[in-house]
N, C-alpha and C. Protein backbone atom coordinates (compact mmCIF):
# COMPACT_ATOMS: atom_id res chain seq x y z
N MET A 1 72.21 122.85 11.95
CA MET A 1 70.85 122.73 12.42
C MET A 1 69.94 123.41 11.40
N SER A 2 68.83 122.82 11.09
CA SER A 2 67.93 123.40 10.10
C SER A 2 67.16 124.55 10.73
N ASN A 3 66.53 125.34 9.87
CA ASN A 3 65.73 126.47 10.35
C ASN A 3 64.31 126.06 10.67
N ASP A 4 63.98 124.75 10.58
CA ASP A 4 62.65 124.28 10.93
C ASP A 4 62.46 124.45 12.44
N LEU A 5 61.26 124.90 12.81
CA LEU A 5 60.95 125.12 14.21
C LEU A 5 60.81 123.78 14.91
N ASP A 6 61.49 123.62 16.02
CA ASP A 6 61.46 122.39 16.80
C ASP A 6 60.40 122.56 17.90
N ASP A 7 59.20 121.99 17.67
CA ASP A 7 58.10 122.13 18.63
C ASP A 7 58.48 121.62 20.01
N ASP A 8 59.23 120.52 20.07
CA ASP A 8 59.63 119.95 21.36
C ASP A 8 60.53 120.92 22.11
N LEU A 9 61.45 121.58 21.41
CA LEU A 9 62.34 122.56 22.04
C LEU A 9 61.53 123.72 22.60
N VAL A 10 60.56 124.20 21.84
CA VAL A 10 59.73 125.31 22.31
C VAL A 10 58.97 124.89 23.57
N ARG A 11 58.43 123.69 23.58
CA ARG A 11 57.69 123.20 24.75
C ARG A 11 58.63 123.06 25.97
N ARG A 12 59.84 122.55 25.75
CA ARG A 12 60.79 122.42 26.86
C ARG A 12 61.19 123.78 27.41
N LEU A 13 61.41 124.75 26.52
CA LEU A 13 61.77 126.09 26.97
C LEU A 13 60.61 126.74 27.72
N ALA A 14 59.39 126.55 27.23
CA ALA A 14 58.21 127.08 27.93
C ALA A 14 58.07 126.43 29.30
N GLY A 15 58.34 125.14 29.37
CA GLY A 15 58.29 124.44 30.66
C GLY A 15 59.33 124.99 31.62
N LEU A 16 60.51 125.32 31.10
CA LEU A 16 61.56 125.90 31.93
C LEU A 16 61.13 127.28 32.46
N LEU A 17 60.40 128.05 31.63
CA LEU A 17 59.87 129.33 32.10
C LEU A 17 58.94 129.11 33.29
N ASP A 18 58.04 128.13 33.17
CA ASP A 18 57.11 127.82 34.26
C ASP A 18 57.86 127.35 35.50
N GLU A 19 58.84 126.49 35.30
CA GLU A 19 59.59 125.90 36.41
C GLU A 19 60.38 126.95 37.19
N THR A 20 60.97 127.91 36.48
CA THR A 20 61.85 128.89 37.13
C THR A 20 61.16 130.20 37.46
N GLY A 21 60.01 130.46 36.83
CA GLY A 21 59.33 131.73 37.06
C GLY A 21 59.94 132.87 36.27
N LEU A 22 60.82 132.58 35.32
CA LEU A 22 61.44 133.62 34.51
C LEU A 22 60.44 134.17 33.50
N GLY A 23 60.71 135.36 32.98
CA GLY A 23 59.82 135.98 32.00
C GLY A 23 60.15 135.61 30.58
N GLU A 24 61.40 135.27 30.32
CA GLU A 24 61.80 134.88 28.97
C GLU A 24 63.06 134.06 29.03
N ILE A 25 63.31 133.32 27.96
CA ILE A 25 64.51 132.50 27.85
C ILE A 25 64.92 132.49 26.38
N GLU A 26 66.21 132.50 26.15
CA GLU A 26 66.74 132.47 24.79
C GLU A 26 67.72 131.32 24.68
N TYR A 27 67.66 130.59 23.55
CA TYR A 27 68.55 129.47 23.30
C TYR A 27 69.21 129.73 21.95
N ALA A 28 70.52 129.52 21.90
CA ALA A 28 71.25 129.70 20.65
C ALA A 28 72.22 128.55 20.45
N HIS A 29 72.31 128.11 19.22
CA HIS A 29 73.27 127.07 18.85
C HIS A 29 73.71 127.38 17.43
N LYS A 30 74.99 127.69 17.28
CA LYS A 30 75.57 128.11 16.00
C LYS A 30 74.75 129.29 15.46
N ASP A 31 74.14 129.18 14.29
CA ASP A 31 73.38 130.30 13.75
C ASP A 31 71.88 130.17 14.00
N PHE A 32 71.48 129.21 14.86
CA PHE A 32 70.08 129.03 15.22
C PHE A 32 69.83 129.71 16.56
N ARG A 33 68.78 130.51 16.64
CA ARG A 33 68.45 131.23 17.87
C ARG A 33 66.94 131.21 18.03
N ILE A 34 66.49 130.92 19.26
CA ILE A 34 65.06 130.94 19.55
C ILE A 34 64.86 131.62 20.90
N ARG A 35 63.84 132.44 20.99
CA ARG A 35 63.50 133.15 22.23
C ARG A 35 62.05 132.85 22.56
N VAL A 36 61.80 132.44 23.79
CA VAL A 36 60.45 132.16 24.26
C VAL A 36 60.20 133.10 25.43
N ALA A 37 59.09 133.84 25.37
CA ALA A 37 58.79 134.82 26.42
C ALA A 37 57.32 134.74 26.80
N ARG A 38 57.08 135.04 28.05
CA ARG A 38 55.69 135.14 28.52
C ARG A 38 55.13 136.46 28.02
N PRO A 39 53.84 136.51 27.78
CA PRO A 39 53.25 137.81 27.43
C PRO A 39 53.36 138.75 28.63
N ALA A 40 53.57 140.01 28.36
CA ALA A 40 53.66 140.99 29.44
C ALA A 40 52.31 141.11 30.11
N VAL A 41 52.31 140.99 31.41
CA VAL A 41 51.08 141.11 32.18
C VAL A 41 51.13 142.43 32.89
N GLN A 42 50.11 143.25 32.67
CA GLN A 42 50.08 144.54 33.32
C GLN A 42 49.49 144.36 34.70
N ALA A 43 50.25 144.72 35.70
CA ALA A 43 49.79 144.58 37.08
C ALA A 43 48.84 145.72 37.41
N SER A 44 47.78 145.39 38.11
CA SER A 44 46.89 146.44 38.58
C SER A 44 46.72 146.24 40.08
N TYR A 45 46.64 147.32 40.78
CA TYR A 45 46.47 147.24 42.21
C TYR A 45 45.76 148.50 42.67
N ALA A 46 45.13 148.40 43.80
CA ALA A 46 44.42 149.55 44.37
C ALA A 46 45.40 150.36 45.20
N MET A 47 45.44 151.63 44.93
CA MET A 47 46.30 152.52 45.70
C MET A 47 45.59 152.87 47.00
N PRO A 48 46.32 152.87 48.11
CA PRO A 48 45.69 153.30 49.36
C PRO A 48 45.31 154.77 49.28
N GLN A 49 44.30 155.15 49.99
CA GLN A 49 43.87 156.55 50.01
C GLN A 49 44.89 157.35 50.80
N THR A 50 45.66 158.18 50.07
CA THR A 50 46.70 158.99 50.71
C THR A 50 46.66 160.37 50.10
N SER A 51 47.50 161.21 50.61
CA SER A 51 47.60 162.55 50.04
C SER A 51 48.24 162.45 48.67
N PRO A 52 47.95 163.40 47.77
CA PRO A 52 48.50 163.34 46.41
C PRO A 52 50.02 163.29 46.37
N ALA A 53 50.71 163.88 47.31
CA ALA A 53 52.17 163.89 47.31
C ALA A 53 52.74 162.49 47.52
N SER A 54 52.03 161.65 48.26
CA SER A 54 52.56 160.32 48.52
C SER A 54 51.86 159.23 47.72
N ALA A 55 51.07 159.61 46.73
CA ALA A 55 50.32 158.64 45.94
C ALA A 55 51.17 157.90 44.94
N THR A 56 52.36 158.38 44.63
CA THR A 56 53.22 157.71 43.66
C THR A 56 53.96 156.57 44.36
N PRO A 57 53.82 155.33 43.84
CA PRO A 57 54.52 154.22 44.48
C PRO A 57 56.02 154.35 44.31
N ALA A 58 56.75 153.86 45.29
CA ALA A 58 58.21 153.87 45.22
C ALA A 58 58.66 152.84 44.20
N PRO A 59 59.76 153.09 43.47
CA PRO A 59 60.25 152.09 42.52
C PRO A 59 60.67 150.82 43.25
N VAL A 60 60.49 149.71 42.59
CA VAL A 60 60.83 148.42 43.17
C VAL A 60 62.23 148.04 42.71
N ALA A 61 63.09 147.71 43.64
CA ALA A 61 64.45 147.29 43.31
C ALA A 61 64.41 145.83 42.90
N THR A 62 65.22 145.47 41.92
CA THR A 62 65.28 144.07 41.51
C THR A 62 66.44 143.40 42.19
N ALA A 63 66.22 142.18 42.66
CA ALA A 63 67.27 141.43 43.34
C ALA A 63 68.35 141.00 42.37
N ALA A 64 68.04 140.96 41.08
CA ALA A 64 68.99 140.49 40.08
C ALA A 64 70.13 141.48 39.85
N ALA A 65 69.88 142.75 40.14
CA ALA A 65 70.89 143.76 39.83
C ALA A 65 71.90 143.86 40.95
N ALA A 66 73.17 143.90 40.57
CA ALA A 66 74.23 144.10 41.55
C ALA A 66 74.40 145.60 41.76
N PRO A 67 74.91 146.01 42.89
CA PRO A 67 75.15 147.43 43.10
C PRO A 67 76.05 147.99 41.99
N ALA A 68 75.80 149.24 41.61
CA ALA A 68 76.56 149.86 40.52
C ALA A 68 78.03 149.97 40.86
N THR A 69 78.37 150.01 42.14
CA THR A 69 79.76 150.19 42.54
C THR A 69 80.34 148.90 43.12
N GLU A 70 79.92 147.76 42.61
CA GLU A 70 80.42 146.47 43.10
C GLU A 70 81.94 146.42 42.90
N PRO A 71 82.70 146.23 43.99
CA PRO A 71 84.16 146.17 43.84
C PRO A 71 84.59 144.85 43.19
N GLY A 72 85.74 144.88 42.57
CA GLY A 72 86.29 143.66 41.98
C GLY A 72 85.74 143.35 40.61
N GLU A 73 86.12 142.18 40.11
CA GLU A 73 85.67 141.71 38.81
C GLU A 73 84.41 140.87 38.99
N LEU A 74 83.38 141.19 38.23
CA LEU A 74 82.13 140.44 38.33
C LEU A 74 82.19 139.18 37.47
N VAL A 75 81.78 138.07 38.04
CA VAL A 75 81.61 136.82 37.30
C VAL A 75 80.12 136.76 37.01
N LYS A 76 79.76 136.70 35.71
CA LYS A 76 78.35 136.76 35.31
C LYS A 76 77.88 135.43 34.76
N SER A 77 76.56 135.25 34.80
CA SER A 77 75.98 134.01 34.31
C SER A 77 76.01 133.97 32.78
N PRO A 78 76.52 132.88 32.21
CA PRO A 78 76.54 132.76 30.75
C PRO A 78 75.21 132.26 30.19
N ILE A 79 74.28 131.87 31.08
CA ILE A 79 73.01 131.29 30.65
C ILE A 79 71.90 131.66 31.62
N VAL A 80 70.67 131.40 31.20
CA VAL A 80 69.50 131.55 32.05
C VAL A 80 69.28 130.23 32.77
N GLY A 81 68.98 130.27 34.04
CA GLY A 81 68.73 129.03 34.77
C GLY A 81 68.57 129.28 36.26
N THR A 82 68.85 128.25 37.03
CA THR A 82 68.77 128.32 38.49
C THR A 82 70.16 128.08 39.05
N VAL A 83 70.60 128.96 39.93
CA VAL A 83 71.96 128.86 40.48
C VAL A 83 71.95 128.01 41.74
N TYR A 84 72.99 127.19 41.86
CA TYR A 84 73.20 126.38 43.06
C TYR A 84 74.61 126.64 43.55
N LEU A 85 74.72 127.00 44.83
CA LEU A 85 76.01 127.38 45.41
C LEU A 85 76.79 126.20 45.96
N ALA A 86 76.17 125.02 46.04
CA ALA A 86 76.82 123.83 46.58
C ALA A 86 76.49 122.64 45.68
N PRO A 87 77.33 121.60 45.71
CA PRO A 87 77.07 120.43 44.87
C PRO A 87 75.82 119.64 45.26
N SER A 88 75.38 119.77 46.52
CA SER A 88 74.15 119.12 46.98
C SER A 88 73.61 119.92 48.15
N PRO A 89 72.34 119.72 48.52
CA PRO A 89 71.78 120.49 49.64
C PRO A 89 72.53 120.31 50.96
N GLU A 90 73.12 119.13 51.17
CA GLU A 90 73.84 118.86 52.42
C GLU A 90 75.29 119.34 52.39
N ALA A 91 75.82 119.59 51.22
CA ALA A 91 77.25 119.91 51.08
C ALA A 91 77.54 121.38 51.38
N ALA A 92 78.80 121.63 51.68
CA ALA A 92 79.27 123.00 51.88
C ALA A 92 79.27 123.72 50.53
N PRO A 93 79.14 125.05 50.53
CA PRO A 93 79.19 125.81 49.28
C PRO A 93 80.53 125.61 48.57
N TYR A 94 80.51 125.74 47.24
CA TYR A 94 81.75 125.65 46.47
C TYR A 94 82.73 126.70 46.97
N VAL A 95 82.27 127.94 47.14
CA VAL A 95 83.11 129.03 47.64
C VAL A 95 82.29 129.93 48.56
N GLN A 96 83.02 130.66 49.41
CA GLN A 96 82.40 131.64 50.30
C GLN A 96 83.24 132.91 50.25
N PRO A 97 82.66 134.05 50.64
CA PRO A 97 83.45 135.28 50.67
C PRO A 97 84.72 135.07 51.50
N GLY A 98 85.83 135.56 50.96
CA GLY A 98 87.13 135.42 51.62
C GLY A 98 87.94 134.25 51.11
N ASP A 99 87.30 133.30 50.41
CA ASP A 99 88.03 132.14 49.89
C ASP A 99 88.94 132.54 48.73
N ALA A 100 90.14 131.97 48.71
CA ALA A 100 91.03 132.11 47.56
C ALA A 100 90.63 131.05 46.54
N VAL A 101 90.57 131.45 45.27
CA VAL A 101 90.19 130.51 44.21
C VAL A 101 91.26 130.49 43.13
N ALA A 102 91.36 129.35 42.46
CA ALA A 102 92.31 129.19 41.36
C ALA A 102 91.56 129.35 40.04
N LYS A 103 92.27 129.77 39.02
CA LYS A 103 91.68 129.87 37.69
C LYS A 103 91.12 128.50 37.30
N GLY A 104 89.87 128.48 36.83
CA GLY A 104 89.24 127.23 36.41
C GLY A 104 88.50 126.50 37.52
N GLN A 105 88.59 126.98 38.75
CA GLN A 105 87.90 126.34 39.87
C GLN A 105 86.39 126.60 39.77
N THR A 106 85.58 125.60 40.11
CA THR A 106 84.13 125.77 40.10
C THR A 106 83.71 126.68 41.24
N LEU A 107 82.95 127.73 40.89
CA LEU A 107 82.46 128.69 41.87
C LEU A 107 81.03 128.37 42.30
N MET A 108 80.24 127.85 41.36
CA MET A 108 78.84 127.49 41.56
C MET A 108 78.37 126.81 40.28
N VAL A 109 77.14 126.36 40.23
CA VAL A 109 76.59 125.79 39.00
C VAL A 109 75.28 126.49 38.68
N VAL A 110 74.96 126.54 37.38
CA VAL A 110 73.66 127.04 36.93
C VAL A 110 72.99 125.90 36.19
N GLU A 111 71.81 125.52 36.68
CA GLU A 111 71.04 124.46 36.05
C GLU A 111 70.16 125.07 34.97
N ALA A 112 70.26 124.52 33.78
CA ALA A 112 69.41 124.94 32.66
C ALA A 112 68.97 123.69 31.91
N MET A 113 67.69 123.49 31.82
CA MET A 113 67.12 122.34 31.12
C MET A 113 67.69 121.03 31.65
N LYS A 114 67.74 120.91 32.96
CA LYS A 114 68.19 119.71 33.68
C LYS A 114 69.68 119.42 33.50
N VAL A 115 70.44 120.40 33.00
CA VAL A 115 71.89 120.24 32.85
C VAL A 115 72.58 121.18 33.82
N MET A 116 73.51 120.63 34.61
CA MET A 116 74.28 121.44 35.55
C MET A 116 75.50 122.01 34.84
N ASN A 117 75.57 123.32 34.74
CA ASN A 117 76.65 124.02 34.05
C ASN A 117 77.55 124.68 35.07
N PRO A 118 78.81 124.22 35.19
CA PRO A 118 79.70 124.83 36.18
C PRO A 118 80.06 126.26 35.78
N ILE A 119 80.08 127.13 36.76
CA ILE A 119 80.56 128.50 36.58
C ILE A 119 81.96 128.51 37.17
N ILE A 120 82.95 128.73 36.32
CA ILE A 120 84.34 128.60 36.77
C ILE A 120 85.00 129.97 36.92
N ALA A 121 86.00 130.00 37.77
CA ALA A 121 86.74 131.24 38.00
C ALA A 121 87.54 131.60 36.75
N PRO A 122 87.37 132.83 36.25
CA PRO A 122 88.11 133.25 35.06
C PRO A 122 89.60 133.47 35.32
N ARG A 123 89.93 133.61 36.61
CA ARG A 123 91.32 133.84 37.02
C ARG A 123 91.44 133.52 38.50
N ALA A 124 92.66 133.46 38.99
CA ALA A 124 92.87 133.28 40.42
C ALA A 124 92.52 134.57 41.14
N GLY A 125 92.08 134.46 42.35
CA GLY A 125 91.73 135.65 43.12
C GLY A 125 91.06 135.27 44.43
N LYS A 126 90.47 136.26 45.06
CA LYS A 126 89.77 136.05 46.32
C LYS A 126 88.30 136.43 46.13
N VAL A 127 87.40 135.61 46.63
CA VAL A 127 85.96 135.89 46.53
C VAL A 127 85.64 137.05 47.46
N LEU A 128 85.15 138.15 46.87
CA LEU A 128 84.74 139.29 47.68
C LEU A 128 83.31 139.12 48.18
N ARG A 129 82.43 138.71 47.26
CA ARG A 129 81.01 138.62 47.61
C ARG A 129 80.30 137.67 46.67
N VAL A 130 79.41 136.86 47.22
CA VAL A 130 78.51 136.04 46.42
C VAL A 130 77.22 136.85 46.33
N ILE A 131 76.84 137.24 45.12
CA ILE A 131 75.75 138.18 44.91
C ILE A 131 74.38 137.48 44.89
N VAL A 132 74.36 136.22 44.48
CA VAL A 132 73.10 135.49 44.35
C VAL A 132 72.89 134.55 45.54
N GLU A 133 71.65 134.06 45.65
CA GLU A 133 71.31 133.11 46.70
C GLU A 133 71.11 131.73 46.11
N ASN A 134 71.32 130.71 46.90
CA ASN A 134 71.14 129.33 46.46
C ASN A 134 69.71 129.12 45.99
N GLY A 135 69.54 128.51 44.81
CA GLY A 135 68.22 128.20 44.27
C GLY A 135 67.56 129.37 43.56
N GLN A 136 68.25 130.48 43.41
CA GLN A 136 67.69 131.68 42.79
C GLN A 136 67.70 131.56 41.27
N PRO A 137 66.61 131.93 40.59
CA PRO A 137 66.64 132.00 39.13
C PRO A 137 67.57 133.15 38.71
N VAL A 138 68.36 132.92 37.66
CA VAL A 138 69.26 133.95 37.16
C VAL A 138 69.07 134.13 35.67
N GLU A 139 69.36 135.32 35.21
CA GLU A 139 69.25 135.68 33.80
C GLU A 139 70.63 135.66 33.15
N PHE A 140 70.66 135.66 31.84
CA PHE A 140 71.90 135.77 31.08
C PHE A 140 72.60 137.06 31.47
N ASP A 141 73.89 137.00 31.72
CA ASP A 141 74.75 138.15 32.00
C ASP A 141 74.49 138.78 33.37
N GLN A 142 73.76 138.08 34.24
CA GLN A 142 73.50 138.58 35.59
C GLN A 142 74.73 138.34 36.46
N PRO A 143 75.18 139.34 37.22
CA PRO A 143 76.31 139.15 38.12
C PRO A 143 76.01 138.09 39.17
N LEU A 144 76.96 137.18 39.37
CA LEU A 144 76.81 136.10 40.33
C LEU A 144 77.72 136.26 41.54
N LEU A 145 78.93 136.77 41.28
CA LEU A 145 79.96 136.79 42.30
C LEU A 145 80.99 137.86 41.93
N SER A 146 81.66 138.41 42.91
CA SER A 146 82.74 139.35 42.61
C SER A 146 84.06 138.80 43.13
N LEU A 147 85.10 138.95 42.31
CA LEU A 147 86.45 138.49 42.64
C LEU A 147 87.36 139.69 42.83
N GLU A 148 88.23 139.60 43.84
CA GLU A 148 89.24 140.65 44.05
C GLU A 148 90.37 140.46 43.07
């Protein structure tokens, strides 16, 4: 692939940012890498009138982060996209907590740029927990599921 900037690729990646609500996306192919990110927007809000001790806002937890003590082996997203837990809205989920899975079995899919990418079990095991929700945007390397 040449090092010439592909305007169409940049526009498609920017469109994917708008579609998913993500802050940035990175695409790599062989030695070509491109990252598209939204400018950082500084949030401003009015603080309620309170005593100085309680004026500091509590930190906001991110839904993307798995608990630090997640048991089992984490299966992480290899790409940025939208996760789908079932093959169609009417279908049963690929897997549920407690299900035994075989190595190579589809656990869920991540849609990126209109392509459905299967997330497969790295080994046989039992699903302990599905960490993400159906239709949720996911980031690269975000935990999706834990296997016993």
